[in-house]
C-alpha atoms as a PDB file:
ATOM      1  CA  MET A   1     -10.552  -7.855   9.421  1.00  0.00           C
ATOM      2  CA  LYS A   2      -8.384  -4.790   9.278  1.00  0.00           C
ATOM      3  CA  LEU A   3      -5.512  -3.546   7.174  1.00  0.00           C
ATOM      4  CA  TYR A   4      -3.213  -0.703   8.219  1.00  0.00           C
ATOM      5  CA  HIS A   5      -2.249   2.207   6.002  1.00  0.00           C
ATOM      6  CA  TYR A   6       0.234   5.026   6.624  1.00  0.00           C
ATOM      7  CA  ILE A   7      -0.351   8.606   5.434  1.00  0.00           C
ATOM      8  CA  HIS A   8       1.800  11.693   5.944  1.00  0.00           C
ATOM      9  CA  LYS A   9       0.738  13.735   8.971  1.00  0.00           C
ATOM     10  CA  ASN A  10      -1.468  16.808   8.512  1.00  0.00           C
ATOM     11  CA  ASN A  11      -3.722  14.823   6.208  1.00  0.00           C
ATOM     12  CA  ASN A  12      -7.483  15.144   5.891  1.00  0.00           C
ATOM     13  CA  ALA A  13      -8.268  11.407   5.882  1.00  0.00           C
ATOM     14  CA  LEU A  14     -10.697  11.558   8.818  1.00  0.00           C
ATOM     15  CA  ALA A  15     -12.742  14.161   6.928  1.00  0.00           C
ATOM     16  CA  CYS A  16     -12.278  13.073   3.301  1.00  0.00           C
ATOM     17  CA  GLY A  17     -11.157   9.431   3.470  1.00  0.00           C
ATOM     18  CA  ILE A  18      -8.029   7.698   2.217  1.00  0.00           C
ATOM     19  CA  MET A  19      -7.347   8.572  -1.406  1.00  0.00           C
ATOM     20  CA  SER A  20      -5.803   6.257  -3.963  1.00  0.00           C
ATOM     21  CA  PHE A  21      -3.211   7.550  -6.403  1.00  0.00           C
ATOM     22  CA  ALA A  22      -5.955   8.230  -8.965  1.00  0.00           C
ATOM     23  CA  GLN A  23      -7.748  10.538  -6.532  1.00  0.00           C
ATOM     24  CA  ASN A  24      -4.679  12.202  -5.016  1.00  0.00           C
ATOM     25  CA  ARG A  25      -3.650  15.063  -7.320  1.00  0.00           C
ATOM     26  CA  GLN A  26      -0.917  16.022  -4.802  1.00  0.00           C
ATOM     27  CA  ALA A  27       0.743  12.575  -4.887  1.00  0.00           C
ATOM     28  CA  ASP A  28       4.535  12.515  -5.058  1.00  0.00           C
ATOM     29  CA  LEU A  29       5.121  11.551  -8.694  1.00  0.00           C
ATOM     30  CA  SER A  30       8.886  11.096  -8.334  1.00  0.00           C
ATOM     31  CA  TYR A  31       8.370   7.628  -6.850  1.00  0.00           C
ATOM     32  CA  TYR A  32       6.710   6.527 -10.100  1.00  0.00           C
ATOM     33  CA  TYR A  33       8.940   8.131 -12.767  1.00  0.00           C
ATOM     34  CA  LYS A  34      11.351   5.213 -13.144  1.00  0.00           C
ATOM     35  CA  ARG A  35       8.797   2.512 -12.344  1.00  0.00           C
ATOM     36  CA  SER A  36       6.425   3.761 -15.061  1.00  0.00           C
ATOM     37  CA  GLY A  37       9.063   3.939 -17.779  1.00  0.00           C
ATOM     38  CA  GLY A  38       9.549   7.686 -17.589  1.00  0.00           C
ATOM     39  CA  LYS A  39       5.971   8.914 -17.309  1.00  0.00           C
ATOM     40  CA  THR A  40       5.983  12.374 -15.721  1.00  0.00           C
ATOM     41  CA  THR A  41       2.391  13.532 -15.260  1.00  0.00           C
ATOM     42  CA  HIS A  42      -0.352  12.313 -12.944  1.00  0.00           C
ATOM     43  CA  ALA A  43      -2.514  11.341 -15.945  1.00  0.00           C
ATOM     44  CA  GLU A  44       0.330   9.437 -17.647  1.00  0.00           C
ATOM     45  CA  ILE A  45       1.113   7.504 -14.468  1.00  0.00           C
ATOM     46  CA  ILE A  46      -2.564   6.613 -13.975  1.00  0.00           C
ATOM     47  CA  LYS A  47      -2.676   5.333 -17.562  1.00  0.00           C
ATOM     48  CA  TRP A  48       0.466   3.243 -16.922  1.00  0.00           C
ATOM     49  CA  MET A  49      -1.013   1.837 -13.686  1.00  0.00           C
ATOM     50  CA  GLU A  50      -4.234   0.893 -15.444  1.00  0.00           C
ATOM     51  CA  SER A  51      -2.237  -0.828 -18.203  1.00  0.00           C
ATOM     52  CA  CYS A  52      -0.832  -3.142 -15.504  1.00  0.00           C
ATOM     53  CA  PHE A  53      -4.356  -4.141 -14.445  1.00  0.00           C
ATOM     54  CA  VAL A  54      -7.731  -2.422 -14.251  1.00  0.00           C
ATOM     55  CA  GLY A  55      -8.172  -0.677 -10.918  1.00  0.00           C
ATOM     56  CA  ARG A  56      -4.516  -0.411  -9.977  1.00  0.00           C
ATOM     57  CA  SER A  57      -4.616   3.393  -9.819  1.00  0.00           C
ATOM     58  CA  ARG A  58      -7.577   3.091  -7.413  1.00  0.00           C
ATOM     59  CA  GLY A  59      -5.687   0.705  -5.145  1.00  0.00           C
ATOM     60  CA  ILE A  60      -4.612   1.543  -1.601  1.00  0.00           C
ATOM     61  CA  ARG A  61      -1.805  -0.351   0.141  1.00  0.00           C
ATOM     62  CA  GLY A  62      -2.247  -1.928   3.520  1.00  0.00           C
ATOM     63  CA  PHE A  63      -0.402  -4.145   5.966  1.00  0.00           C
ATOM     64  CA  THR A  64      -2.056  -6.806   8.112  1.00  0.00           C
ATOM     65  CA  GLU A  65      -0.613  -5.238  11.253  1.00  0.00           C
ATOM     66  CA  PRO A  66       0.911  -1.928  12.308  1.00  0.00           C
ATOM     67  CA  ILE A  67       4.691  -1.743  12.051  1.00  0.00           C
ATOM     68  CA  ARG A  68       6.386  -3.474  14.988  1.00  0.00           C
ATOM     69  CA  TRP A  69       9.740  -2.153  16.170  1.00  0.00           C
ATOM     70  CA  SER A  70      13.025  -3.985  16.426  1.00  0.00           C
ATOM     71  CA  GLU A  71      16.584  -2.784  16.812  1.00  0.00           C
ATOM     72  CA  HIS A  72      17.250  -3.621  13.168  1.00  0.00           C
ATOM     73  CA  ASN A  73      14.329  -1.753  11.597  1.00  0.00           C
ATOM     74  CA  ARG A  74      14.101   1.218  13.964  1.00  0.00           C
ATOM     75  CA  LYS A  75      16.408   3.431  11.890  1.00  0.00           C
ATOM     76  CA  CYS A  76      14.605   3.199   8.541  1.00  0.00           C
ATOM     77  CA  LEU A  77      11.034   2.671   9.712  1.00  0.00           C
ATOM     78  CA  LYS A  78      11.088   5.161  12.590  1.00  0.00           C
ATOM     79  CA  HIS A  79      12.048   7.906  10.118  1.00  0.00           C
ATOM     80  CA  PHE A  80       9.065   6.869   7.965  1.00  0.00           C
ATOM     81  CA  THR A  81       6.488   6.507  10.748  1.00  0.00           C
ATOM     82  CA  ASP A  82       7.461   9.732  12.528  1.00  0.00           C
ATOM     83  CA  LYS A  83       6.125  11.549   9.468  1.00  0.00           C
ATOM     84  CA  CYS A  84       2.942   9.480   9.210  1.00  0.00           C
ATOM     85  CA  ASP A  85      -0.366   8.661  10.828  1.00  0.00           C
ATOM     86  CA  CYS A  86      -1.448   5.033  10.886  1.00  0.00           C
ATOM     87  CA  PHE A  87      -5.043   4.218   9.977  1.00  0.00           C
ATOM     88  CA  ALA A  88      -6.901   0.937  10.424  1.00  0.00           C
ATOM     89  CA  ILE A  89      -9.154   0.105   7.472  1.00  0.00           C
ATOM     90  CA  ASP A  90     -12.261  -1.993   8.152  1.00  0.00           C
ATOM     91  CA  ILE A  91     -12.075  -4.488   5.289  1.00  0.00           C
ATOM     92  CA  ASP A  92     -15.195  -6.386   6.386  1.00  0.00           C
ATOM     93  CA  ALA A  93     -17.311  -3.219   6.257  1.00  0.00           C
ATOM     94  CA  LEU A  94     -15.929  -2.255   2.830  1.00  0.00           C
ATOM     95  CA  LYS A  95     -16.812  -5.719   1.542  1.00  0.00           C
ATOM     96  CA  HIS A  96     -20.248  -5.673   3.185  1.00  0.00           C
ATOM     97  CA  ASP A  97     -21.062  -2.293   1.613  1.00  0.00           C
ATOM     98  CA  GLU A  98     -19.781  -3.509  -1.780  1.00  0.00           C
ATOM     99  CA  LEU A  99     -17.028  -0.887  -2.047  1.00  0.00           C
ATOM    100  CA  LEU A 100     -14.232  -3.424  -2.388  1.00  0.00           C
ATOM    101  CA  GLU A 101     -13.566  -4.381  -6.004  1.00  0.00           C
ATOM    102  CA  ALA A 102     -10.448  -6.522  -5.633  1.00  0.00           C
ATOM    103  CA  VAL A 103      -7.593  -7.444  -3.311  1.00  0.00           C
ATOM    104  CA  TYR A 104      -4.022  -8.093  -4.448  1.00  0.00           C
ATOM    105  CA  VAL A 105      -1.085  -9.350  -2.435  1.00  0.00           C
ATOM    106  CA  SER A 106       2.485  -8.256  -2.964  1.00  0.00           C
ATOM    107  CA  PRO A 107       4.525 -11.073  -1.473  1.00  0.00           C
ATOM    108  CA  SER A 108       7.955 -10.415  -0.049  1.00  0.00           C
ATOM    109  CA  VAL A 109      10.576 -10.370  -2.798  1.00  0.00           C
ATOM    110  CA  MET A 110      12.254 -13.183  -0.861  1.00  0.00           C
ATOM    111  CA  GLU A 111       9.159 -15.375  -1.390  1.00  0.00           C
ATOM    112  CA  GLN A 112       9.469 -15.003  -5.149  1.00  0.00           C
ATOM    113  CA  SER A 113      11.467 -17.511  -7.148  1.00  0.00           C
ATOM    114  CA  PRO A 114      14.039 -16.319  -7.975  1.00  0.00           C
ATOM    115  CA  PRO A 115      14.049 -13.497  -5.424  1.00  0.00           C
ATOM    116  CA  ASN A 116      13.140 -10.220  -7.124  1.00  0.00           C
ATOM    117  CA  THR A 117      15.598  -7.878  -5.436  1.00  0.00           C
ATOM    118  CA  GLU A 118      16.367  -5.479  -8.291  1.00  0.00           C
ATOM    119  CA  ASN A 119      15.799  -1.833  -7.351  1.00  0.00           C
ATOM    120  CA  ASP A 120      14.222  -0.850 -10.663  1.00  0.00           C
ATOM    121  CA  VAL A 121      11.406  -3.379 -10.952  1.00  0.00           C
ATOM    122  CA  ASP A 122       7.769  -2.932 -10.129  1.00  0.00           C
ATOM    123  CA  GLU A 123       6.254  -4.964  -7.321  1.00  0.00           C
ATOM    124  CA  LEU A 124       4.596  -8.276  -8.026  1.00  0.00           C
ATOM    125  CA  LEU A 125       0.845  -8.092  -7.367  1.00  0.00           C
ATOM    126  CA  LEU A 126      -1.230 -11.266  -7.333  1.00  0.00           C
ATOM    127  CA  LYS A 127      -5.019 -11.093  -7.294  1.00  0.00           C
ATOM    128  CA  LEU A 128      -6.727 -12.923  -4.425  1.00  0.00           C
ATOM    129  CA  ASN A 129     -10.041 -14.714  -4.843  1.00  0.00           C
ATOM    130  CA  ASN A 130     -11.549 -12.941  -1.826  1.00  0.00           C
ATOM    131  CA  VAL A 131     -10.669 -11.054   1.359  1.00  0.00           C
ATOM    132  CA  GLU A 132     -10.650 -14.288   3.348  1.00  0.00           C
ATOM    133  CA  ASP A 133      -7.412 -15.152   1.512  1.00  0.00           C
ATOM    134  CA  ILE A 134      -5.535 -12.319   3.240  1.00  0.00           C
ATOM    135  CA  ASP A 135      -2.683 -13.859   5.241  1.00  0.00           C
ATOM    136  CA  TYR A 136      -2.680 -12.553   8.809  1.00  0.00           C
ATOM    137  CA  THR A 137       0.395 -14.455   9.973  1.00  0.00           C
ATOM    138  CA  PRO A 138       2.867 -12.109  11.703  1.00  0.00           C
ATOM    139  CA  ILE A 139       5.140  -9.990   9.518  1.00  0.00           C
ATOM    140  CA  ASP A 140       8.901 -10.073  10.053  1.00  0.00           C
ATOM    141  CA  TRP A 141       9.580  -6.331  10.187  1.00  0.00           C
ATOM    142  CA  ASN A 142      13.278  -6.983  10.896  1.00  0.00           C
ATOM    143  CA  ILE A 143      13.988  -7.381   7.192  1.00  0.00           C
ATOM    144  CA  CYS A 144      12.924  -3.849   6.199  1.00  0.00           C
ATOM    145  CA  ASP A 145      15.964  -1.922   5.063  1.00  0.00           C
ATOM    146  CA  ASP A 146      16.203   1.446   3.312  1.00  0.00           C
ATOM    147  CA  ALA A 147      19.665   0.551   1.990  1.00  0.00           C
ATOM    148  CA  THR A 148      18.015  -1.650  -0.650  1.00  0.00           C
ATOM    149  CA  GLY A 149      15.831   1.180  -1.932  1.00  0.00           C
ATOM    150  CA  LYS A 150      12.763  -0.994  -1.367  1.00  0.00           C
ATOM    151  CA  ARG A 151      11.663  -0.359   2.193  1.00  0.00           C
ATOM    152  CA  PHE A 152       8.583  -2.577   2.112  1.00  0.00           C
ATOM    153  CA  ALA A 153       9.484  -4.974  -0.709  1.00  0.00           C
ATOM    154  CA  TYR A 154      10.713  -7.468   1.879  1.00  0.00           C
ATOM    155  CA  VAL A 155       7.385  -7.666   3.720  1.00  0.00           C
ATOM    156  CA  ARG A 156       4.021  -8.856   2.457  1.00  0.00           C
ATOM    157  CA  TYR A 157       1.434  -6.151   1.860  1.00  0.00           C
ATOM    158  CA  TYR A 158      -1.906  -5.812   0.133  1.00  0.00           C
ATOM    159  CA  LEU A 159      -3.445  -3.520  -2.446  1.00  0.00           C
ATOM    160  CA  ILE A 160      -7.175  -3.057  -2.054  1.00  0.00           C
ATOM    161  CA  VAL A 161      -9.010  -1.664  -5.050  1.00  0.00           C
ATOM    162  CA  VAL A 162     -11.999   0.406  -3.967  1.00  0.00           C
ATOM    163  CA  LYS A 163     -14.870   1.850  -5.957  1.00  0.00           C
ATOM    164  CA  GLY A 164     -14.238   5.500  -6.707  1.00  0.00           C
ATOM    165  CA  GLY A 165     -10.641   5.242  -5.465  1.00  0.00           C
ATOM    166  CA  ILE A 166     -11.403   6.600  -1.969  1.00  0.00           C
ATOM    167  CA  ILE A 167     -11.961   4.748   1.284  1.00  0.00           C
ATOM    168  CA  PRO A 168     -14.600   6.913   3.004  1.00  0.00           C
ATOM    169  CA  PRO A 169     -13.865   8.146   6.556  1.00  0.00           C
ATOM    170  CA  GLN A 170     -16.445   5.888   8.195  1.00  0.00           C
ATOM    171  CA  TYR A 171     -14.305   2.856   7.238  1.00  0.00           C
ATOM    172  CA  ILE A 172     -11.075   4.082   8.853  1.00  0.00           C
ATOM    173  CA  THR A 173      -9.817   4.657  12.393  1.00  0.00           C
ATOM    174  CA  LEU A 174      -6.761   6.680  13.375  1.00  0.00           C
ATOM    175  CA  GLN A 175      -4.404   4.495  15.438  1.00  0.00           C
ATOM    176  CA  LYS A 176      -2.667   6.050  18.437  1.00  0.00           C
END
């Protein structure tokens, strides 16, 4: 099984691995200011993440497939992907080598009852029993829309918590 993760170009993932927020001292903190209740430092945001659940700051997001293009999503997602490299993460190998601590799913806000479409709320993350519970049904990328302020809130994605907060390079492959 694979999950797909996007990282800004000119990264060092193939040499150093994919870093979680906890390991990435250069992470863009602005994304987390409002979500964390006004925390402004890397350490404060890590503490807030860990107060949500243990391991959250060591989690890395992934989709079950690379982004697929449509006329509707091309404008917002093309801008995002042009700046990023896509990496496939070998989930089976991470599990086999006992580096995977937990897997959480963030269902589409439209799958939540009532739909959670507010721009200032944190995503819902539900812990899965095991990696076999990852849902590989196709994603409807047509519903992604930057106008909502939540580009990926409308599609299902996963948060994998890894030991040490880094997915080592041998578990990832750059997608062309």
